[in-house]
PDB file of all heavy atoms in Angstrom:
ATOM      1  N   ASP A   1     112.553  81.217 -80.144  1.00  0.00           N
ATOM      2  CA  ASP A   1     112.680  79.881 -79.547  1.00  0.00           C
ATOM      3  C   ASP A   1     113.913  79.183 -80.123  1.00  0.00           C
ATOM      4  O   ASP A   1     114.110  79.160 -81.343  1.00  0.00           O
ATOM      5  CB  ASP A   1     111.442  79.040 -79.855  1.00  0.00           C
ATOM      6  CG  ASP A   1     110.185  79.587 -79.189  1.00  0.00           C
ATOM      7  OD1 ASP A   1     110.313  80.200 -78.110  1.00  0.00           O
ATOM      8  OD2 ASP A   1     109.091  79.398 -79.747  1.00  0.00           O
ATOM      9  N   TRP A   2     114.742  78.629 -79.265  1.00  0.00           N
ATOM     10  CA  TRP A   2     115.889  77.843 -79.706  1.00  0.00           C
ATOM     11  C   TRP A   2     116.247  76.838 -78.619  1.00  0.00           C
ATOM     12  O   TRP A   2     115.783  76.940 -77.491  1.00  0.00           O
ATOM     13  CB  TRP A   2     117.094  78.731 -80.059  1.00  0.00           C
ATOM     14  CG  TRP A   2     117.315  79.948 -79.196  1.00  0.00           C
ATOM     15  CD1 TRP A   2     116.935  81.224 -79.478  1.00  0.00           C
ATOM     16  CD2 TRP A   2     117.971  80.014 -77.908  1.00  0.00           C
ATOM     17  NE1 TRP A   2     117.311  82.070 -78.460  1.00  0.00           N
ATOM     18  CE2 TRP A   2     117.955  81.374 -77.499  1.00  0.00           C
ATOM     19  CE3 TRP A   2     118.586  79.072 -77.086  1.00  0.00           C
ATOM     20  CZ2 TRP A   2     118.507  81.798 -76.284  1.00  0.00           C
ATOM     21  CZ3 TRP A   2     119.139  79.476 -75.881  1.00  0.00           C
ATOM     22  CH2 TRP A   2     119.096  80.826 -75.496  1.00  0.00           C
ATOM     23  N   ARG A   3     117.055  75.874 -78.995  1.00  0.00           N
ATOM     24  CA  ARG A   3     117.391  74.789 -78.069  1.00  0.00           C
ATOM     25  C   ARG A   3     118.568  75.175 -77.167  1.00  0.00           C
ATOM     26  O   ARG A   3     119.502  75.817 -77.598  1.00  0.00           O
ATOM     27  CB  ARG A   3     117.718  73.504 -78.841  1.00  0.00           C
ATOM     28  CG  ARG A   3     116.539  72.998 -79.660  1.00  0.00           C
ATOM     29  CD  ARG A   3     116.844  71.646 -80.276  1.00  0.00           C
ATOM     30  NE  ARG A   3     115.801  71.236 -81.194  1.00  0.00           N
ATOM     31  CZ  ARG A   3     114.642  70.681 -80.825  1.00  0.00           C
ATOM     32  NH1 ARG A   3     114.403  70.486 -79.537  1.00  0.00           N
ATOM     33  NH2 ARG A   3     113.741  70.336 -81.721  1.00  0.00           N
ATOM     34  N   TRP A   4     118.469  74.742 -75.916  1.00  0.00           N
ATOM     35  CA  TRP A   4     119.520  75.024 -74.923  1.00  0.00           C
ATOM     36  C   TRP A   4     120.808  74.323 -75.356  1.00  0.00           C
ATOM     37  O   TRP A   4     120.818  73.130 -75.643  1.00  0.00           O
ATOM     38  CB  TRP A   4     119.075  74.509 -73.563  1.00  0.00           C
ATOM     39  CG  TRP A   4     119.818  75.081 -72.396  1.00  0.00           C
ATOM     40  CD1 TRP A   4     121.030  74.680 -71.927  1.00  0.00           C
ATOM     41  CD2 TRP A   4     119.381  76.139 -71.517  1.00  0.00           C
ATOM     42  NE1 TRP A   4     121.387  75.416 -70.811  1.00  0.00           N
ATOM     43  CE2 TRP A   4     120.388  76.321 -70.545  1.00  0.00           C
ATOM     44  CE3 TRP A   4     118.237  76.938 -71.469  1.00  0.00           C
ATOM     45  CZ2 TRP A   4     120.290  77.270 -69.522  1.00  0.00           C
ATOM     46  CZ3 TRP A   4     118.136  77.886 -70.456  1.00  0.00           C
ATOM     47  CH2 TRP A   4     119.150  78.056 -69.501  1.00  0.00           C
ATOM     48  N   PRO A   5     121.935  75.053 -75.392  1.00  0.00           N
ATOM     49  CA  PRO A   5     123.168  74.482 -75.937  1.00  0.00           C
ATOM     50  C   PRO A   5     123.879  73.527 -74.982  1.00  0.00           C
ATOM     51  O   PRO A   5     123.668  73.553 -73.772  1.00  0.00           O
ATOM     52  CB  PRO A   5     124.024  75.722 -76.194  1.00  0.00           C
ATOM     53  CG  PRO A   5     123.574  76.700 -75.141  1.00  0.00           C
ATOM     54  CD  PRO A   5     122.098  76.468 -74.996  1.00  0.00           C
ATOM     55  N   CYS A   6     124.731  72.707 -75.574  1.00  0.00           N
ATOM     56  CA  CYS A   6     125.548  71.796 -74.773  1.00  0.00           C
ATOM     57  C   CYS A   6     126.999  71.865 -75.230  1.00  0.00           C
ATOM     58  O   CYS A   6     127.303  72.303 -76.342  1.00  0.00           O
ATOM     59  CB  CYS A   6     125.024  70.362 -74.856  1.00  0.00           C
ATOM     60  SG  CYS A   6     124.585  69.808 -76.507  1.00  0.00           S
ATOM     61  N   ALA A   7     127.883  71.436 -74.350  1.00  0.00           N
ATOM     62  CA  ALA A   7     129.313  71.395 -74.638  1.00  0.00           C
ATOM     63  C   ALA A   7     129.949  70.341 -73.734  1.00  0.00           C
ATOM     64  O   ALA A   7     129.509  70.148 -72.592  1.00  0.00           O
ATOM     65  CB  ALA A   7     129.970  72.756 -74.382  1.00  0.00           C
ATOM     66  N   ASP A   8     130.929  69.643 -74.251  1.00  0.00           N
ATOM     67  CA  ASP A   8     131.655  68.641 -73.456  1.00  0.00           C
ATOM     68  C   ASP A   8     130.729  67.559 -72.896  1.00  0.00           C
ATOM     69  O   ASP A   8     130.939  67.055 -71.790  1.00  0.00           O
ATOM     70  CB  ASP A   8     132.430  69.310 -72.316  1.00  0.00           C
ATOM     71  CG  ASP A   8     133.387  70.381 -72.815  1.00  0.00           C
ATOM     72  OD1 ASP A   8     134.128  70.100 -73.774  1.00  0.00           O
ATOM     73  OD2 ASP A   8     133.383  71.499 -72.247  1.00  0.00           O
ATOM     74  N   GLY A   9     129.686  67.215 -73.648  1.00  0.00           N
ATOM     75  CA  GLY A   9     128.812  66.130 -73.240  1.00  0.00           C
ATOM     76  C   GLY A   9     127.844  66.461 -72.129  1.00  0.00           C
ATOM     77  O   GLY A   9     127.367  65.567 -71.426  1.00  0.00           O
ATOM     78  N   ASP A  10     127.514  67.741 -71.981  1.00  0.00           N
ATOM     79  CA  ASP A  10     126.548  68.141 -70.961  1.00  0.00           C
ATOM     80  C   ASP A  10     125.914  69.466 -71.376  1.00  0.00           C
ATOM     81  O   ASP A  10     126.460  70.189 -72.217  1.00  0.00           O
ATOM     82  CB  ASP A  10     127.223  68.313 -69.605  1.00  0.00           C
ATOM     83  CG  ASP A  10     126.338  67.884 -68.443  1.00  0.00           C
ATOM     84  OD1 ASP A  10     125.092  67.912 -68.601  1.00  0.00           O
ATOM     85  OD2 ASP A  10     126.883  67.537 -67.382  1.00  0.00           O
ATOM     86  N   TYR A  11     124.776  69.762 -70.789  1.00  0.00           N
ATOM     87  CA  TYR A  11     124.149  71.056 -71.063  1.00  0.00           C
ATOM     88  C   TYR A  11     124.916  72.166 -70.358  1.00  0.00           C
ATOM     89  O   TYR A  11     125.426  71.982 -69.242  1.00  0.00           O
ATOM     90  CB  TYR A  11     122.688  71.043 -70.613  1.00  0.00           C
ATOM     91  CG  TYR A  11     121.817  70.211 -71.535  1.00  0.00           C
ATOM     92  CD1 TYR A  11     121.282  69.000 -71.106  1.00  0.00           C
ATOM     93  CD2 TYR A  11     121.559  70.627 -72.836  1.00  0.00           C
ATOM     94  CE1 TYR A  11     120.500  68.228 -71.948  1.00  0.00           C
ATOM     95  CE2 TYR A  11     120.782  69.857 -73.686  1.00  0.00           C
ATOM     96  CZ  TYR A  11     120.259  68.660 -73.244  1.00  0.00           C
ATOM     97  OH  TYR A  11     119.492  67.902 -74.082  1.00  0.00           O
ATOM     98  N   CYS A  12     125.007  73.299 -71.010  1.00  0.00           N
ATOM     99  CA  CYS A  12     125.776  74.425 -70.484  1.00  0.00           C
ATOM    100  C   CYS A  12     124.994  75.194 -69.419  1.00  0.00           C
ATOM    101  O   CYS A  12     123.795  74.983 -69.232  1.00  0.00           O
ATOM    102  CB  CYS A  12     126.138  75.389 -71.620  1.00  0.00           C
ATOM    103  SG  CYS A  12     127.196  74.684 -72.886  1.00  0.00           S
ATOM    104  N   LYS A  13     125.696  76.103 -68.785  1.00  0.00           N
ATOM    105  CA  LYS A  13     125.095  76.993 -67.793  1.00  0.00           C
ATOM    106  C   LYS A  13     124.993  78.397 -68.380  1.00  0.00           C
ATOM    107  O   LYS A  13     125.987  78.942 -68.882  1.00  0.00           O
ATOM    108  CB  LYS A  13     125.957  77.026 -66.526  1.00  0.00           C
ATOM    109  CG  LYS A  13     125.382  77.865 -65.387  1.00  0.00           C
ATOM    110  CD  LYS A  13     126.248  77.699 -64.138  1.00  0.00           C
ATOM    111  CE  LYS A  13     125.566  78.278 -62.911  1.00  0.00           C
ATOM    112  NZ  LYS A  13     126.272  77.922 -61.669  1.00  0.00           N
ATOM    113  N   PHE A  14     123.800  78.976 -68.330  1.00  0.00           N
ATOM    114  CA  PHE A  14     123.649  80.368 -68.746  1.00  0.00           C
ATOM    115  C   PHE A  14     124.304  81.261 -67.700  1.00  0.00           C
ATOM    116  O   PHE A  14     124.008  81.164 -66.514  1.00  0.00           O
ATOM    117  CB  PHE A  14     122.168  80.729 -68.892  1.00  0.00           C
ATOM    118  CG  PHE A  14     121.933  82.187 -69.178  1.00  0.00           C
ATOM    119  CD1 PHE A  14     122.231  82.715 -70.414  1.00  0.00           C
ATOM    120  CD2 PHE A  14     121.451  83.036 -68.194  1.00  0.00           C
ATOM    121  CE1 PHE A  14     122.033  84.071 -70.685  1.00  0.00           C
ATOM    122  CE2 PHE A  14     121.253  84.372 -68.438  1.00  0.00           C
ATOM    123  CZ  PHE A  14     121.542  84.898 -69.687  1.00  0.00           C
ATOM    124  N   ILE A  15     125.206  82.154 -68.170  1.00  0.00           N
ATOM    125  CA  ILE A  15     125.954  82.971 -67.208  1.00  0.00           C
ATOM    126  C   ILE A  15     125.753  84.472 -67.399  1.00  0.00           C
ATOM    127  O   ILE A  15     126.224  85.260 -66.583  1.00  0.00           O
ATOM    128  CB  ILE A  15     127.459  82.650 -67.237  1.00  0.00           C
ATOM    129  CG1 ILE A  15     128.060  82.878 -68.624  1.00  0.00           C
ATOM    130  CG2 ILE A  15     127.706  81.212 -66.768  1.00  0.00           C
ATOM    131  CD1 ILE A  15     129.589  82.768 -68.670  1.00  0.00           C
ATOM    132  N   GLY A  16     125.055  84.891 -68.463  1.00  0.00           N
ATOM    133  CA  GLY A  16     124.817  86.328 -68.607  1.00  0.00           C
ATOM    134  C   GLY A  16     124.562  86.729 -70.047  1.00  0.00           C
ATOM    135  O   GLY A  16     124.585  85.908 -70.968  1.00  0.00           O
ATOM    136  N   TYR A  17     124.310  88.027 -70.218  1.00  0.00           N
ATOM    137  CA  TYR A  17     124.067  88.595 -71.546  1.00  0.00           C
ATOM    138  C   TYR A  17     125.368  89.171 -72.093  1.00  0.00           C
ATOM    139  O   TYR A  17     126.121  89.839 -71.380  1.00  0.00           O
ATOM    140  CB  TYR A  17     123.013  89.703 -71.469  1.00  0.00           C
ATOM    141  CG  TYR A  17     121.674  89.241 -70.959  1.00  0.00           C
ATOM    142  CD1 TYR A  17     121.255  89.546 -69.665  1.00  0.00           C
ATOM    143  CD2 TYR A  17     120.817  88.494 -71.760  1.00  0.00           C
ATOM    144  CE1 TYR A  17     120.028  89.117 -69.185  1.00  0.00           C
ATOM    145  CE2 TYR A  17     119.587  88.061 -71.289  1.00  0.00           C
ATOM    146  CZ  TYR A  17     119.196  88.383 -70.004  1.00  0.00           C
ATOM    147  OH  TYR A  17     117.983  87.960 -69.535  1.00  0.00           O
ATOM    148  N   GLY A  18     125.608  88.916 -73.375  1.00  0.00           N
ATOM    149  CA  GLY A  18     126.855  89.325 -73.980  1.00  0.00           C
ATOM    150  C   GLY A  18     126.964  90.825 -74.218  1.00  0.00           C
ATOM    151  O   GLY A  18     125.990  91.494 -74.546  1.00  0.00           O
ATOM    152  N   SER A  19     128.179  91.338 -74.041  1.00  0.00           N
ATOM    153  CA  SER A  19     128.531  92.720 -74.348  1.00  0.00           C
ATOM    154  C   SER A  19     130.043  92.741 -74.538  1.00  0.00           C
ATOM    155  O   SER A  19     130.739  91.798 -74.158  1.00  0.00           O
ATOM    156  CB  SER A  19     128.141  93.664 -73.208  1.00  0.00           C
ATOM    157  OG  SER A  19     128.886  93.359 -72.033  1.00  0.00           O
ATOM    158  N   ARG A  20     130.558  93.818 -75.108  1.00  0.00           N
ATOM    159  CA  ARG A  20     132.020  93.901 -75.265  1.00  0.00           C
ATOM    160  C   ARG A  20     132.753  93.783 -73.922  1.00  0.00           C
ATOM    161  O   ARG A  20     133.710  93.012 -73.801  1.00  0.00           O
ATOM    162  CB  ARG A  20     132.400  95.197 -75.973  1.00  0.00           C
ATOM    163  CG  ARG A  20     132.168  95.142 -77.463  1.00  0.00           C
ATOM    164  CD  ARG A  20     133.104  96.100 -78.177  1.00  0.00           C
ATOM    165  NE  ARG A  20     132.757  96.193 -79.571  1.00  0.00           N
ATOM    166  CZ  ARG A  20     133.517  96.777 -80.485  1.00  0.00           C
ATOM    167  NH1 ARG A  20     134.667  97.324 -80.118  1.00  0.00           N
ATOM    168  NH2 ARG A  20     133.146  96.827 -81.754  1.00  0.00           N
ATOM    169  N   PRO A  21     132.309  94.531 -72.905  1.00  0.00           N
ATOM    170  CA  PRO A  21     133.006  94.388 -71.612  1.00  0.00           C
ATOM    171  C   PRO A  21     132.934  92.969 -71.044  1.00  0.00           C
ATOM    172  O   PRO A  21     133.900  92.494 -70.440  1.00  0.00           O
ATOM    173  CB  PRO A  21     132.265  95.381 -70.702  1.00  0.00           C
ATOM    174  CG  PRO A  21     131.650  96.376 -71.633  1.00  0.00           C
ATOM    175  CD  PRO A  21     131.292  95.605 -72.869  1.00  0.00           C
ATOM    176  N   TYR A  22     131.804  92.300 -71.266  1.00  0.00           N
ATOM    177  CA  TYR A  22     131.649  90.958 -70.700  1.00  0.00           C
ATOM    178  C   TYR A  22     132.573  89.959 -71.391  1.00  0.00           C
ATOM    179  O   TYR A  22     133.264  89.170 -70.721  1.00  0.00           O
ATOM    180  CB  TYR A  22     130.199  90.510 -70.794  1.00  0.00           C
ATOM    181  CG  TYR A  22     129.890  89.292 -69.955  1.00  0.00           C
ATOM    182  CD1 TYR A  22     130.360  89.184 -68.651  1.00  0.00           C
ATOM    183  CD2 TYR A  22     129.131  88.248 -70.453  1.00  0.00           C
ATOM    184  CE1 TYR A  22     130.085  88.074 -67.870  1.00  0.00           C
ATOM    185  CE2 TYR A  22     128.842  87.130 -69.682  1.00  0.00           C
ATOM    186  CZ  TYR A  22     129.326  87.047 -68.394  1.00  0.00           C
ATOM    187  OH  TYR A  22     129.052  85.944 -67.624  1.00  0.00           O
ATOM    188  N   TYR A  23     132.617  89.993 -72.708  1.00  0.00           N
ATOM    189  CA  TYR A  23     133.528  89.076 -73.412  1.00  0.00           C
ATOM    190  C   TYR A  23     134.987  89.393 -73.077  1.00  0.00           C
ATOM    191  O   TYR A  23     135.796  88.477 -72.933  1.00  0.00           O
ATOM    192  CB  TYR A  23     133.295  89.132 -74.920  1.00  0.00           C
ATOM    193  CG  TYR A  23     132.055  88.390 -75.356  1.00  0.00           C
ATOM    194  CD1 TYR A  23     130.902  89.070 -75.714  1.00  0.00           C
ATOM    195  CD2 TYR A  23     132.030  86.994 -75.396  1.00  0.00           C
ATOM    196  CE1 TYR A  23     129.752  88.393 -76.100  1.00  0.00           C
ATOM    197  CE2 TYR A  23     130.887  86.307 -75.777  1.00  0.00           C
ATOM    198  CZ  TYR A  23     129.744  87.012 -76.129  1.00  0.00           C
ATOM    199  OH  TYR A  23     128.613  86.329 -76.501  1.00  0.00           O
ATOM    200  N   ASN A  24     135.307  90.667 -72.930  1.00  0.00           N
ATOM    201  CA  ASN A  24     136.675  91.030 -72.557  1.00  0.00           C
ATOM    202  C   ASN A  24     137.026  90.472 -71.177  1.00  0.00           C
ATOM    203  O   ASN A  24     138.159  90.037 -70.935  1.00  0.00           O
ATOM    204  CB  ASN A  24     136.851  92.545 -72.585  1.00  0.00           C
ATOM    205  CG  ASN A  24     136.885  93.102 -73.997  1.00  0.00           C
ATOM    206  OD1 ASN A  24     137.229  92.403 -74.947  1.00  0.00           O
ATOM    207  ND2 ASN A  24     136.525  94.375 -74.142  1.00  0.00           N
ATOM    208  N   SER A  25     136.056  90.477 -70.271  1.00  0.00           N
ATOM    209  CA  SER A  25     136.312  89.976 -68.919  1.00  0.00           C
ATOM    210  C   SER A  25     136.445  88.452 -68.892  1.00  0.00           C
ATOM    211  O   SER A  25     137.131  87.896 -68.033  1.00  0.00           O
ATOM    212  CB  SER A  25     135.194  90.411 -67.963  1.00  0.00           C
ATOM    213  OG  SER A  25     133.989  89.692 -68.213  1.00  0.00           O
ATOM    214  N   LEU A  26     135.764  87.780 -69.833  1.00  0.00           N
ATOM    215  CA  LEU A  26     135.813  86.317 -69.883  1.00  0.00           C
ATOM    216  C   LEU A  26     137.068  85.802 -70.580  1.00  0.00           C
ATOM    217  O   LEU A  26     137.476  84.653 -70.377  1.00  0.00           O
ATOM    218  CB  LEU A  26     134.576  85.769 -70.615  1.00  0.00           C
ATOM    219  CG  LEU A  26     133.223  85.922 -69.917  1.00  0.00           C
ATOM    220  CD1 LEU A  26     132.104  85.527 -70.870  1.00  0.00           C
ATOM    221  CD2 LEU A  26     133.155  85.084 -68.650  1.00  0.00           C
ATOM    222  N   ALA A  27     137.668  86.643 -71.409  1.00  0.00           N
ATOM    223  CA  ALA A  27     138.819  86.216 -72.205  1.00  0.00           C
ATOM    224  C   ALA A  27     140.071  86.120 -71.326  1.00  0.00           C
ATOM    225  O   ALA A  27     140.509  87.111 -70.750  1.00  0.00           O
ATOM    226  CB  ALA A  27     139.048  87.198 -73.348  1.00  0.00           C
ATOM    227  N   THR A  28     140.622  84.926 -71.240  1.00  0.00           N
ATOM    228  CA  THR A  28     141.822  84.718 -70.423  1.00  0.00           C
ATOM    229  C   THR A  28     143.056  84.429 -71.271  1.00  0.00           C
ATOM    230  O   THR A  28     144.163  84.820 -70.919  1.00  0.00           O
ATOM    231  CB  THR A  28     141.607  83.563 -69.433  1.00  0.00           C
ATOM    232  OG1 THR A  28     141.199  82.392 -70.171  1.00  0.00           O
ATOM    233  CG2 THR A  28     140.532  83.915 -68.408  1.00  0.00           C
ATOM    234  N   THR A  29     142.866  83.728 -72.387  1.00  0.00           N
ATOM    235  CA  THR A  29     144.010  83.355 -73.222  1.00  0.00           C
ATOM    236  C   THR A  29     143.951  84.007 -74.595  1.00  0.00           C
ATOM    237  O   THR A  29     144.826  83.769 -75.428  1.00  0.00           O
ATOM    238  CB  THR A  29     144.076  81.830 -73.396  1.00  0.00           C
ATOM    239  OG1 THR A  29     142.860  81.378 -74.011  1.00  0.00           O
ATOM    240  CG2 THR A  29     144.235  81.149 -72.045  1.00  0.00           C
ATOM    241  N   THR A  30     142.937  84.827 -74.843  1.00  0.00           N
ATOM    242  CA  THR A  30     142.782  85.485 -76.131  1.00  0.00           C
ATOM    243  C   THR A  30     142.094  86.824 -75.907  1.00  0.00           C
ATOM    244  O   THR A  30     141.888  87.234 -74.769  1.00  0.00           O
ATOM    245  CB  THR A  30     141.971  84.594 -77.096  1.00  0.00           C
ATOM    246  OG1 THR A  30     141.905  85.218 -78.379  1.00  0.00           O
ATOM    247  CG2 THR A  30     140.551  84.373 -76.574  1.00  0.00           C
ATOM    248  N   THR A  31     141.731  87.524 -76.975  1.00  0.00           N
ATOM    249  CA  THR A  31     141.014  88.785 -76.828  1.00  0.00           C
ATOM    250  C   THR A  31     139.515  88.531 -76.694  1.00  0.00           C
ATOM    251  O   THR A  31     139.014  87.463 -77.066  1.00  0.00           O
ATOM    252  CB  THR A  31     141.251  89.685 -78.056  1.00  0.00           C
ATOM    253  OG1 THR A  31     140.686  89.039 -79.217  1.00  0.00           O
ATOM    254  CG2 THR A  31     142.729  89.940 -78.270  1.00  0.00           C
ATOM    255  N   GLY A  32     138.801  89.519 -76.200  1.00  0.00           N
ATOM    256  CA  GLY A  32     137.355  89.411 -76.124  1.00  0.00           C
ATOM    257  C   GLY A  32     136.737  89.200 -77.496  1.00  0.00           C
ATOM    258  O   GLY A  32     135.768  88.439 -77.650  1.00  0.00           O
ATOM    259  N   GLU A  33     137.292  89.877 -78.490  1.00  0.00           N
ATOM    260  CA  GLU A  33     136.772  89.743 -79.855  1.00  0.00           C
ATOM    261  C   GLU A  33     136.946  88.320 -80.372  1.00  0.00           C
ATOM    262  O   GLU A  33     136.024  87.749 -80.968  1.00  0.00           O
ATOM    263  CB  GLU A  33     137.480  90.731 -80.786  1.00  0.00           C
ATOM    264  CG  GLU A  33     136.983  90.671 -82.219  1.00  0.00           C
ATOM    265  CD  GLU A  33     137.633  91.705 -83.126  1.00  0.00           C
ATOM    266  OE1 GLU A  33     138.497  92.465 -82.632  1.00  0.00           O
ATOM    267  OE2 GLU A  33     137.283  91.755 -84.314  1.00  0.00           O
ATOM    268  N   GLU A  34     138.108  87.741 -80.155  1.00  0.00           N
ATOM    269  CA  GLU A  34     138.341  86.372 -80.612  1.00  0.00           C
ATOM    270  C   GLU A  34     137.445  85.382 -79.867  1.00  0.00           C
ATOM    271  O   GLU A  34     136.908  84.439 -80.454  1.00  0.00           O
ATOM    272  CB  GLU A  34     139.819  85.998 -80.428  1.00  0.00           C
ATOM    273  CG  GLU A  34     140.736  86.614 -81.455  1.00  0.00           C
ATOM    274  CD  GLU A  34     140.377  86.233 -82.879  1.00  0.00           C
ATOM    275  OE1 GLU A  34     140.189  85.022 -83.141  1.00  0.00           O
ATOM    276  OE2 GLU A  34     140.254  87.141 -83.729  1.00  0.00           O
ATOM    277  N   LEU A  35     137.296  85.592 -78.574  1.00  0.00           N
ATOM    278  CA  LEU A  35     136.420  84.729 -77.786  1.00  0.00           C
ATOM    279  C   LEU A  35     135.003  84.796 -78.332  1.00  0.00           C
ATOM    280  O   LEU A  35     134.350  83.760 -78.533  1.00  0.00           O
ATOM    281  CB  LEU A  35     136.440  85.153 -76.316  1.00  0.00           C
ATOM    282  CG  LEU A  35     135.459  84.399 -75.402  1.00  0.00           C
ATOM    283  CD1 LEU A  35     135.786  82.920 -75.353  1.00  0.00           C
ATOM    284  CD2 LEU A  35     135.479  84.996 -73.998  1.00  0.00           C
ATOM    285  N   PHE A  36     134.519  86.004 -78.577  1.00  0.00           N
ATOM    286  CA  PHE A  36     133.180  86.191 -79.123  1.00  0.00           C
ATOM    287  C   PHE A  36     133.025  85.435 -80.447  1.00  0.00           C
ATOM    288  O   PHE A  36     132.074  84.661 -80.633  1.00  0.00           O
ATOM    289  CB  PHE A  36     132.932  87.685 -79.340  1.00  0.00           C
ATOM    290  CG  PHE A  36     131.649  88.023 -80.052  1.00  0.00           C
ATOM    291  CD1 PHE A  36     130.430  87.975 -79.397  1.00  0.00           C
ATOM    292  CD2 PHE A  36     131.676  88.411 -81.387  1.00  0.00           C
ATOM    293  CE1 PHE A  36     129.244  88.296 -80.051  1.00  0.00           C
ATOM    294  CE2 PHE A  36     130.492  88.740 -82.051  1.00  0.00           C
ATOM    295  CZ  PHE A  36     129.285  88.681 -81.388  1.00  0.00           C
ATOM    296  N   LYS A  37     133.960  85.625 -81.334  1.00  0.00           N
ATOM    297  CA  LYS A  37     133.851  85.040 -82.673  1.00  0.00           C
ATOM    298  C   LYS A  37     133.946  83.514 -82.657  1.00  0.00           C
ATOM    299  O   LYS A  37     133.339  82.844 -83.497  1.00  0.00           O
ATOM    300  CB  LYS A  37     134.925  85.632 -83.589  1.00  0.00           C
ATOM    301  CG  LYS A  37     134.702  87.108 -83.904  1.00  0.00           C
ATOM    302  CD  LYS A  37     135.785  87.687 -84.787  1.00  0.00           C
ATOM    303  CE  LYS A  37     135.491  89.134 -85.132  1.00  0.00           C
ATOM    304  NZ  LYS A  37     136.543  89.729 -85.999  1.00  0.00           N
ATOM    305  N   ASN A  38     134.704  82.985 -81.712  1.00  0.00           N
ATOM    306  CA  ASN A  38     134.876  81.535 -81.639  1.00  0.00           C
ATOM    307  C   ASN A  38     133.795  80.841 -80.808  1.00  0.00           C
ATOM    308  O   ASN A  38     133.759  79.605 -80.754  1.00  0.00           O
ATOM    309  CB  ASN A  38     136.250  81.195 -81.046  1.00  0.00           C
ATOM    310  CG  ASN A  38     137.380  81.582 -81.970  1.00  0.00           C
ATOM    311  OD1 ASN A  38     137.233  81.571 -83.190  1.00  0.00           O
ATOM    312  ND2 ASN A  38     138.531  81.926 -81.401  1.00  0.00           N
ATOM    313  N   SER A  39     132.940  81.617 -80.167  1.00  0.00           N
ATOM    314  CA  SER A  39     131.996  81.037 -79.207  1.00  0.00           C
ATOM    315  C   SER A  39     130.629  80.715 -79.801  1.00  0.00           C
ATOM    316  O   SER A  39     129.802  80.098 -79.133  1.00  0.00           O
ATOM    317  CB  SER A  39     131.806  81.991 -78.019  1.00  0.00           C
ATOM    318  OG  SER A  39     131.097  83.164 -78.411  1.00  0.00           O
ATOM    319  N   PHE A  40     130.388  81.108 -81.045  1.00  0.00           N
ATOM    320  CA  PHE A  40     129.051  80.906 -81.603  1.00  0.00           C
ATOM    321  C   PHE A  40     128.706  79.421 -81.677  1.00  0.00           C
ATOM    322  O   PHE A  40     129.525  78.593 -82.092  1.00  0.00           O
ATOM    323  CB  PHE A  40     128.951  81.552 -82.984  1.00  0.00           C
ATOM    324  CG  PHE A  40     128.583  83.007 -82.923  1.00  0.00           C
ATOM    325  CD1 PHE A  40     129.373  83.919 -82.217  1.00  0.00           C
ATOM    326  CD2 PHE A  40     127.441  83.487 -83.538  1.00  0.00           C
ATOM    327  CE1 PHE A  40     129.038  85.248 -82.133  1.00  0.00           C
ATOM    328  CE2 PHE A  40     127.092  84.833 -83.460  1.00  0.00           C
ATOM    329  CZ  PHE A  40     127.889  85.712 -82.752  1.00  0.00           C
ATOM    330  N   TYR A  41     127.477  79.105 -81.299  1.00  0.00           N
ATOM    331  CA  TYR A  41     127.016  77.723 -81.290  1.00  0.00           C
ATOM    332  C   TYR A  41     127.055  77.170 -82.715  1.00  0.00           C
ATOM    333  O   TYR A  41     126.878  77.912 -83.688  1.00  0.00           O
ATOM    334  CB  TYR A  41     125.606  77.653 -80.711  1.00  0.00           C
ATOM    335  CG  TYR A  41     125.210  76.299 -80.176  1.00  0.00           C
ATOM    336  CD1 TYR A  41     126.112  75.502 -79.472  1.00  0.00           C
ATOM    337  CD2 TYR A  41     123.910  75.813 -80.354  1.00  0.00           C
ATOM    338  CE1 TYR A  41     125.738  74.276 -78.966  1.00  0.00           C
ATOM    339  CE2 TYR A  41     123.524  74.578 -79.843  1.00  0.00           C
ATOM    340  CZ  TYR A  41     124.449  73.811 -79.158  1.00  0.00           C
ATOM    341  OH  TYR A  41     124.081  72.581 -78.658  1.00  0.00           O
ATOM    342  N   TYR A  42     127.257  75.866 -82.828  1.00  0.00           N
ATOM    343  CA  TYR A  42     127.514  75.238 -84.125  1.00  0.00           C
ATOM    344  C   TYR A  42     126.459  75.566 -85.182  1.00  0.00           C
ATOM    345  O   TYR A  42     126.772  75.705 -86.365  1.00  0.00           O
ATOM    346  CB  TYR A  42     127.619  73.718 -83.948  1.00  0.00           C
ATOM    347  CG  TYR A  42     126.284  73.033 -83.693  1.00  0.00           C
ATOM    348  CD1 TYR A  42     125.543  72.488 -84.732  1.00  0.00           C
ATOM    349  CD2 TYR A  42     125.752  72.952 -82.403  1.00  0.00           C
ATOM    350  CE1 TYR A  42     124.318  71.871 -84.505  1.00  0.00           C
ATOM    351  CE2 TYR A  42     124.539  72.345 -82.167  1.00  0.00           C
ATOM    352  CZ  TYR A  42     123.820  71.805 -83.218  1.00  0.00           C
ATOM    353  OH  TYR A  42     122.601  71.213 -82.989  1.00  0.00           O
TER     354      TYR A  42
END
């Protein structure tokens, strides 16, 4: 059990389960690895 996260003053949208290919596909300005590491909730 955990609380639904928020960002930018609103609740976020769940978009999928994480994997290396998924983070790589989401990364536009950095690597998938960097995106993963920087994305952890506070």
